[in-house]
Amino acid sequence: MKKRYWIILLAASFFLWKYVQYNKEKAKLPSRSSLIQKELDRRLISYTKNVEERCREKVLEEAKTIADSIAFDMAEALMLFDTLTRPPKPSKPEKPELLPLTDSSAVSPLLPADNN
């Protein structure tokens, strides 16, 4: 009989110990509202990050367009006031006068012609 009481006492203490451990673990788990709040905060941070990134890209694109137009305008203005312009194209020279040939002999063939 004594052995039976020891087994019951041991089983009861084991279950009591497990119950205490379970309550400690349950106490460590966050509540549902805190989980919802954490997820809400994470999504809010993600959303603001995405909005800021899109806004930054839009601003950079507009700044790039403005900078390109300013650079183009400056280059155009420099071309107007450029002192190193090309010289004008030279005019064609006059055609030389053809001199008459002094040799008036008849032209003969270089090789004899074969009439075969």
N, C-alpha and C. Protein backbone atom coordinates (compact mmCIF):
# COMPACT_ATOMS: atom_id res chain seq x y z
N MET A 1 0.81 -1.18 0.00
CA MET A 1 0.00 0.00 0.00
C MET A 1 0.86 1.27 0.00
N LYS A 2 1.91 1.19 0.73
CA LYS A 2 2.78 2.34 0.80
C LYS A 2 3.33 2.69 -0.57
N LYS A 3 3.64 1.70 -1.34
CA LYS A 3 4.19 1.91 -2.68
C LYS A 3 3.17 2.61 -3.57
N ARG A 4 1.93 2.26 -3.41
CA ARG A 4 0.87 2.86 -4.21
C ARG A 4 0.76 4.36 -3.91
N TYR A 5 0.85 4.76 -2.64
CA TYR A 5 0.78 6.16 -2.27
C TYR A 5 1.95 6.96 -2.85
N TRP A 6 3.09 6.34 -2.82
CA TRP A 6 4.26 7.00 -3.40
C TRP A 6 4.08 7.23 -4.90
N ILE A 7 3.53 6.27 -5.59
CA ILE A 7 3.30 6.41 -7.04
C ILE A 7 2.26 7.50 -7.29
N ILE A 8 1.19 7.52 -6.52
CA ILE A 8 0.16 8.55 -6.68
C ILE A 8 0.74 9.92 -6.36
N LEU A 9 1.52 9.99 -5.26
CA LEU A 9 2.15 11.26 -4.89
C LEU A 9 3.13 11.72 -5.97
N LEU A 10 3.89 10.80 -6.50
CA LEU A 10 4.83 11.14 -7.57
C LEU A 10 4.11 11.60 -8.84
N ALA A 11 3.04 10.91 -9.23
CA ALA A 11 2.27 11.30 -10.41
C ALA A 11 1.61 12.66 -10.19
N ALA A 12 1.08 12.90 -9.00
CA ALA A 12 0.42 14.18 -8.71
C ALA A 12 1.45 15.32 -8.76
N SER A 13 2.62 15.09 -8.18
CA SER A 13 3.64 16.14 -8.21
C SER A 13 4.12 16.38 -9.65
N PHE A 14 4.21 15.32 -10.44
CA PHE A 14 4.59 15.47 -11.84
C PHE A 14 3.57 16.32 -12.61
N PHE A 15 2.29 16.00 -12.44
CA PHE A 15 1.24 16.77 -13.12
C PHE A 15 1.19 18.22 -12.61
N LEU A 16 1.43 18.41 -11.33
CA LEU A 16 1.46 19.76 -10.77
C LEU A 16 2.64 20.55 -11.37
N TRP A 17 3.78 19.90 -11.45
CA TRP A 17 4.97 20.54 -12.05
C TRP A 17 4.70 20.91 -13.52
N LYS A 18 4.07 19.98 -14.29
CA LYS A 18 3.74 20.25 -15.69
C LYS A 18 2.75 21.41 -15.80
N TYR A 19 1.79 21.48 -14.92
CA TYR A 19 0.81 22.55 -14.94
C TYR A 19 1.49 23.90 -14.68
N VAL A 20 2.42 23.94 -13.75
CA VAL A 20 3.14 25.18 -13.46
C VAL A 20 3.99 25.59 -14.67
N GLN A 21 4.64 24.62 -15.28
CA GLN A 21 5.44 24.92 -16.48
C GLN A 21 4.56 25.45 -17.60
N TYR A 22 3.41 24.86 -17.81
CA TYR A 22 2.48 25.30 -18.84
C TYR A 22 2.03 26.74 -18.59
N ASN A 23 1.74 27.07 -17.35
CA ASN A 23 1.30 28.44 -17.02
C ASN A 23 2.43 29.43 -17.24
N LYS A 24 3.68 29.02 -16.95
CA LYS A 24 4.82 29.92 -17.20
C LYS A 24 4.97 30.18 -18.69
N GLU A 25 4.82 29.14 -19.50
CA GLU A 25 4.94 29.31 -20.96
C GLU A 25 3.79 30.15 -21.49
N LYS A 26 2.60 29.92 -20.93
CA LYS A 26 1.44 30.68 -21.36
C LYS A 26 1.60 32.16 -20.99
N ALA A 27 2.22 32.42 -19.86
CA ALA A 27 2.45 33.80 -19.44
C ALA A 27 3.47 34.47 -20.36
N LYS A 28 4.40 33.70 -20.92
CA LYS A 28 5.38 34.26 -21.83
C LYS A 28 4.79 34.60 -23.19
N LEU A 29 3.74 33.91 -23.60
CA LEU A 29 3.13 34.16 -24.89
C LEU A 29 2.46 35.54 -24.91
N PRO A 30 2.66 36.28 -25.99
CA PRO A 30 2.02 37.60 -26.05
C PRO A 30 0.51 37.45 -26.27
N SER A 31 -0.19 38.46 -25.85
CA SER A 31 -1.64 38.42 -26.01
C SER A 31 -2.01 38.69 -27.47
N ARG A 32 -3.23 38.40 -27.79
CA ARG A 32 -3.70 38.58 -29.17
C ARG A 32 -3.66 40.04 -29.60
N SER A 33 -4.05 40.93 -28.71
CA SER A 33 -4.05 42.36 -29.04
C SER A 33 -2.63 42.87 -29.27
N SER A 34 -1.67 42.37 -28.49
CA SER A 34 -0.29 42.82 -28.71
C SER A 34 0.24 42.28 -30.05
N LEU A 35 -0.14 41.05 -30.43
CA LEU A 35 0.25 40.51 -31.74
C LEU A 35 -0.35 41.33 -32.88
N ILE A 36 -1.61 41.70 -32.72
CA ILE A 36 -2.28 42.52 -33.74
C ILE A 36 -1.59 43.88 -33.83
N GLN A 37 -1.25 44.46 -32.68
CA GLN A 37 -0.59 45.77 -32.69
C GLN A 37 0.80 45.69 -33.34
N LYS A 38 1.53 44.62 -33.08
CA LYS A 38 2.85 44.45 -33.71
C LYS A 38 2.72 44.32 -35.22
N GLU A 39 1.77 43.54 -35.68
CA GLU A 39 1.56 43.38 -37.12
C GLU A 39 1.12 44.70 -37.75
N LEU A 40 0.27 45.43 -37.08
CA LEU A 40 -0.18 46.73 -37.57
C LEU A 40 1.00 47.70 -37.67
N ASP A 41 1.85 47.71 -36.66
CA ASP A 41 3.04 48.57 -36.69
C ASP A 41 3.97 48.18 -37.84
N ARG A 42 4.18 46.88 -38.04
CA ARG A 42 5.04 46.41 -39.12
C ARG A 42 4.49 46.83 -40.48
N ARG A 43 3.20 46.68 -40.67
CA ARG A 43 2.59 47.07 -41.95
C ARG A 43 2.64 48.59 -42.16
N LEU A 44 2.44 49.33 -41.09
CA LEU A 44 2.50 50.79 -41.18
C LEU A 44 3.91 51.26 -41.55
N ILE A 45 4.91 50.66 -40.95
CA ILE A 45 6.30 51.00 -41.29
C ILE A 45 6.59 50.64 -42.74
N SER A 46 6.14 49.48 -43.17
CA SER A 46 6.35 49.06 -44.55
C SER A 46 5.66 50.01 -45.53
N TYR A 47 4.45 50.42 -45.20
CA TYR A 47 3.70 51.32 -46.07
C TYR A 47 4.40 52.68 -46.18
N THR A 48 4.80 53.24 -45.04
CA THR A 48 5.47 54.54 -45.08
C THR A 48 6.80 54.46 -45.83
N LYS A 49 7.49 53.35 -45.69
CA LYS A 49 8.76 53.16 -46.41
C LYS A 49 8.50 53.13 -47.92
N ASN A 50 7.46 52.41 -48.34
CA ASN A 50 7.12 52.35 -49.77
C ASN A 50 6.71 53.72 -50.31
N VAL A 51 5.92 54.46 -49.54
CA VAL A 51 5.49 55.79 -49.98
C VAL A 51 6.68 56.73 -50.10
N GLU A 52 7.58 56.69 -49.13
CA GLU A 52 8.77 57.54 -49.19
C GLU A 52 9.65 57.17 -50.38
N GLU A 53 9.78 55.89 -50.66
CA GLU A 53 10.61 55.45 -51.79
C GLU A 53 10.01 55.92 -53.12
N ARG A 54 8.69 55.77 -53.27
CA ARG A 54 8.04 56.24 -54.51
C ARG A 54 8.18 57.76 -54.64
N CYS A 55 8.02 58.47 -53.54
CA CYS A 55 8.13 59.93 -53.56
C CYS A 55 9.56 60.33 -53.93
N ARG A 56 10.55 59.65 -53.36
CA ARG A 56 11.95 59.97 -53.67
C ARG A 56 12.24 59.72 -55.15
N GLU A 57 11.73 58.61 -55.69
CA GLU A 57 11.95 58.32 -57.12
C GLU A 57 11.30 59.39 -58.00
N LYS A 58 10.11 59.83 -57.62
CA LYS A 58 9.41 60.85 -58.40
C LYS A 58 10.18 62.17 -58.37
N VAL A 59 10.66 62.55 -57.20
CA VAL A 59 11.42 63.80 -57.06
C VAL A 59 12.72 63.72 -57.85
N LEU A 60 13.41 62.58 -57.78
CA LEU A 60 14.65 62.43 -58.53
C LEU A 60 14.42 62.48 -60.03
N GLU A 61 13.33 61.93 -60.49
CA GLU A 61 13.01 61.96 -61.93
C GLU A 61 12.74 63.40 -62.37
N GLU A 62 11.99 64.15 -61.57
CA GLU A 62 11.73 65.56 -61.90
C GLU A 62 13.01 66.38 -61.87
N ALA A 63 13.86 66.13 -60.89
CA ALA A 63 15.13 66.86 -60.79
C ALA A 63 16.02 66.53 -61.99
N LYS A 64 16.00 65.29 -62.40
CA LYS A 64 16.80 64.89 -63.57
C LYS A 64 16.31 65.61 -64.82
N THR A 65 15.00 65.70 -64.98
CA THR A 65 14.43 66.40 -66.14
C THR A 65 14.82 67.88 -66.11
N ILE A 66 14.73 68.49 -64.95
CA ILE A 66 15.09 69.92 -64.84
C ILE A 66 16.57 70.11 -65.12
N ALA A 67 17.42 69.25 -64.55
CA ALA A 67 18.86 69.39 -64.77
C ALA A 67 19.22 69.19 -66.23
N ASP A 68 18.56 68.24 -66.89
CA ASP A 68 18.82 68.01 -68.32
C ASP A 68 18.43 69.23 -69.15
N SER A 69 17.29 69.82 -68.83
CA SER A 69 16.85 70.98 -69.61
C SER A 69 17.77 72.18 -69.35
N ILE A 70 18.25 72.34 -68.11
CA ILE A 70 19.18 73.44 -67.83
C ILE A 70 20.49 73.23 -68.58
N ALA A 71 20.99 72.00 -68.58
CA ALA A 71 22.24 71.72 -69.30
C ALA A 71 22.06 71.94 -70.80
N PHE A 72 20.92 71.55 -71.34
CA PHE A 72 20.66 71.76 -72.77
C PHE A 72 20.59 73.25 -73.09
N ASP A 73 19.91 74.02 -72.24
CA ASP A 73 19.81 75.47 -72.46
C ASP A 73 21.18 76.14 -72.38
N MET A 74 22.01 75.71 -71.43
CA MET A 74 23.34 76.29 -71.30
C MET A 74 24.20 75.97 -72.53
N ALA A 75 24.10 74.75 -73.04
CA ALA A 75 24.86 74.37 -74.22
C ALA A 75 24.39 75.17 -75.43
N GLU A 76 23.08 75.36 -75.52
CA GLU A 76 22.53 76.14 -76.63
C GLU A 76 23.00 77.59 -76.55
N ALA A 77 23.04 78.15 -75.35
CA ALA A 77 23.49 79.53 -75.18
C ALA A 77 24.97 79.66 -75.52
N LEU A 78 25.76 78.67 -75.15
CA LEU A 78 27.19 78.72 -75.47
C LEU A 78 27.41 78.65 -76.98
N MET A 79 26.57 77.92 -77.67
CA MET A 79 26.71 77.82 -79.13
C MET A 79 26.41 79.17 -79.79
N LEU A 80 25.52 79.96 -79.21
CA LEU A 80 25.19 81.27 -79.78
C LEU A 80 26.35 82.25 -79.62
N PHE A 81 27.05 82.18 -78.50
CA PHE A 81 28.12 83.13 -78.23
C PHE A 81 29.50 82.53 -78.46
N ASP A 82 29.57 81.47 -79.19
CA ASP A 82 30.84 80.81 -79.43
C ASP A 82 31.68 81.63 -80.40
N THR A 83 32.91 81.92 -80.04
CA THR A 83 33.78 82.71 -80.91
C THR A 83 34.60 81.83 -81.84
N LEU A 84 34.60 80.58 -81.59
CA LEU A 84 35.39 79.67 -82.43
C LEU A 84 34.49 78.98 -83.44
N THR A 85 33.88 79.77 -84.28
CA THR A 85 33.01 79.19 -85.30
C THR A 85 33.85 78.72 -86.48
N ARG A 86 33.30 77.91 -87.29
CA ARG A 86 34.00 77.43 -88.47
C ARG A 86 34.17 78.55 -89.49
N PRO A 87 35.27 78.53 -90.19
CA PRO A 87 35.41 79.54 -91.26
C PRO A 87 34.47 79.19 -92.41
N PRO A 88 34.13 80.17 -93.21
CA PRO A 88 33.21 79.88 -94.32
C PRO A 88 33.88 78.96 -95.33
N LYS A 89 33.07 78.26 -96.08
CA LYS A 89 33.56 77.34 -97.10
C LYS A 89 34.24 78.15 -98.22
N PRO A 90 35.44 77.75 -98.63
CA PRO A 90 36.11 78.53 -99.68
C PRO A 90 35.39 78.40 -101.02
N SER A 91 35.53 79.44 -101.84
CA SER A 91 34.88 79.40 -103.15
C SER A 91 35.72 78.55 -104.10
N LYS A 92 35.08 78.05 -105.15
CA LYS A 92 35.78 77.20 -106.11
C LYS A 92 36.70 78.05 -106.98
N PRO A 93 37.86 77.51 -107.29
CA PRO A 93 38.74 78.27 -108.17
C PRO A 93 38.19 78.29 -109.59
N GLU A 94 38.67 79.26 -110.36
CA GLU A 94 38.20 79.36 -111.75
C GLU A 94 38.80 78.22 -112.57
N LYS A 95 38.09 77.84 -113.61
CA LYS A 95 38.58 76.77 -114.46
C LYS A 95 39.76 77.30 -115.29
N PRO A 96 40.80 76.49 -115.40
CA PRO A 96 41.95 76.95 -116.18
C PRO A 96 41.63 76.95 -117.68
N GLU A 97 42.32 77.79 -118.39
CA GLU A 97 42.12 77.89 -119.84
C GLU A 97 42.80 76.69 -120.51
N LEU A 98 42.11 76.03 -121.43
CA LEU A 98 42.68 74.88 -122.12
C LEU A 98 43.66 75.35 -123.20
N LEU A 99 44.85 74.82 -123.12
CA LEU A 99 45.87 75.19 -124.11
C LEU A 99 45.78 74.24 -125.31
N PRO A 100 45.92 74.73 -126.56
CA PRO A 100 45.86 73.84 -127.72
C PRO A 100 47.11 72.96 -127.79
N LEU A 101 46.95 71.75 -128.32
CA LEU A 101 48.06 70.82 -128.43
C LEU A 101 48.97 71.25 -129.58
N THR A 102 50.22 71.12 -129.40
CA THR A 102 51.17 71.52 -130.45
C THR A 102 51.46 70.39 -131.42
N ASP A 103 51.31 69.14 -131.03
CA ASP A 103 51.56 67.99 -131.91
C ASP A 103 50.27 67.69 -132.66
N SER A 104 50.30 67.81 -133.99
CA SER A 104 49.10 67.57 -134.77
C SER A 104 49.25 66.35 -135.67
N SER A 105 50.17 65.42 -135.38
CA SER A 105 50.34 64.22 -136.20
C SER A 105 49.19 63.26 -135.97
N ALA A 106 49.00 62.35 -136.92
CA ALA A 106 47.92 61.38 -136.85
C ALA A 106 48.24 60.33 -135.79
N VAL A 107 47.26 59.79 -135.22
CA VAL A 107 47.42 58.77 -134.19
C VAL A 107 47.50 57.42 -134.87
N SER A 108 48.53 56.62 -134.56
CA SER A 108 48.67 55.28 -135.14
C SER A 108 48.56 54.25 -134.02
N PRO A 109 48.13 53.02 -134.36
CA PRO A 109 47.98 52.01 -133.32
C PRO A 109 49.34 51.57 -132.77
N LEU A 110 49.37 51.17 -131.49
CA LEU A 110 50.60 50.72 -130.87
C LEU A 110 50.96 49.30 -131.31
N LEU A 111 50.00 48.43 -131.43
CA LEU A 111 50.23 47.05 -131.85
C LEU A 111 49.67 46.86 -133.23
N PRO A 112 50.36 46.06 -134.06
CA PRO A 112 49.81 45.83 -135.39
C PRO A 112 48.52 45.01 -135.30
N ALA A 113 47.59 45.32 -136.14
CA ALA A 113 46.29 44.65 -136.14
C ALA A 113 46.37 43.38 -136.94
N ASP A 114 45.93 42.25 -136.40
CA ASP A 114 45.85 40.97 -137.11
C ASP A 114 44.46 40.81 -137.66
N ASN A 115 44.36 40.57 -138.94
CA ASN A 115 43.06 40.39 -139.58
C ASN A 115 42.86 38.92 -139.90
N ASN A 116 42.79 38.07 -139.03
CA ASN A 116 42.60 36.62 -139.27
C ASN A 116 41.19 36.25 -139.34
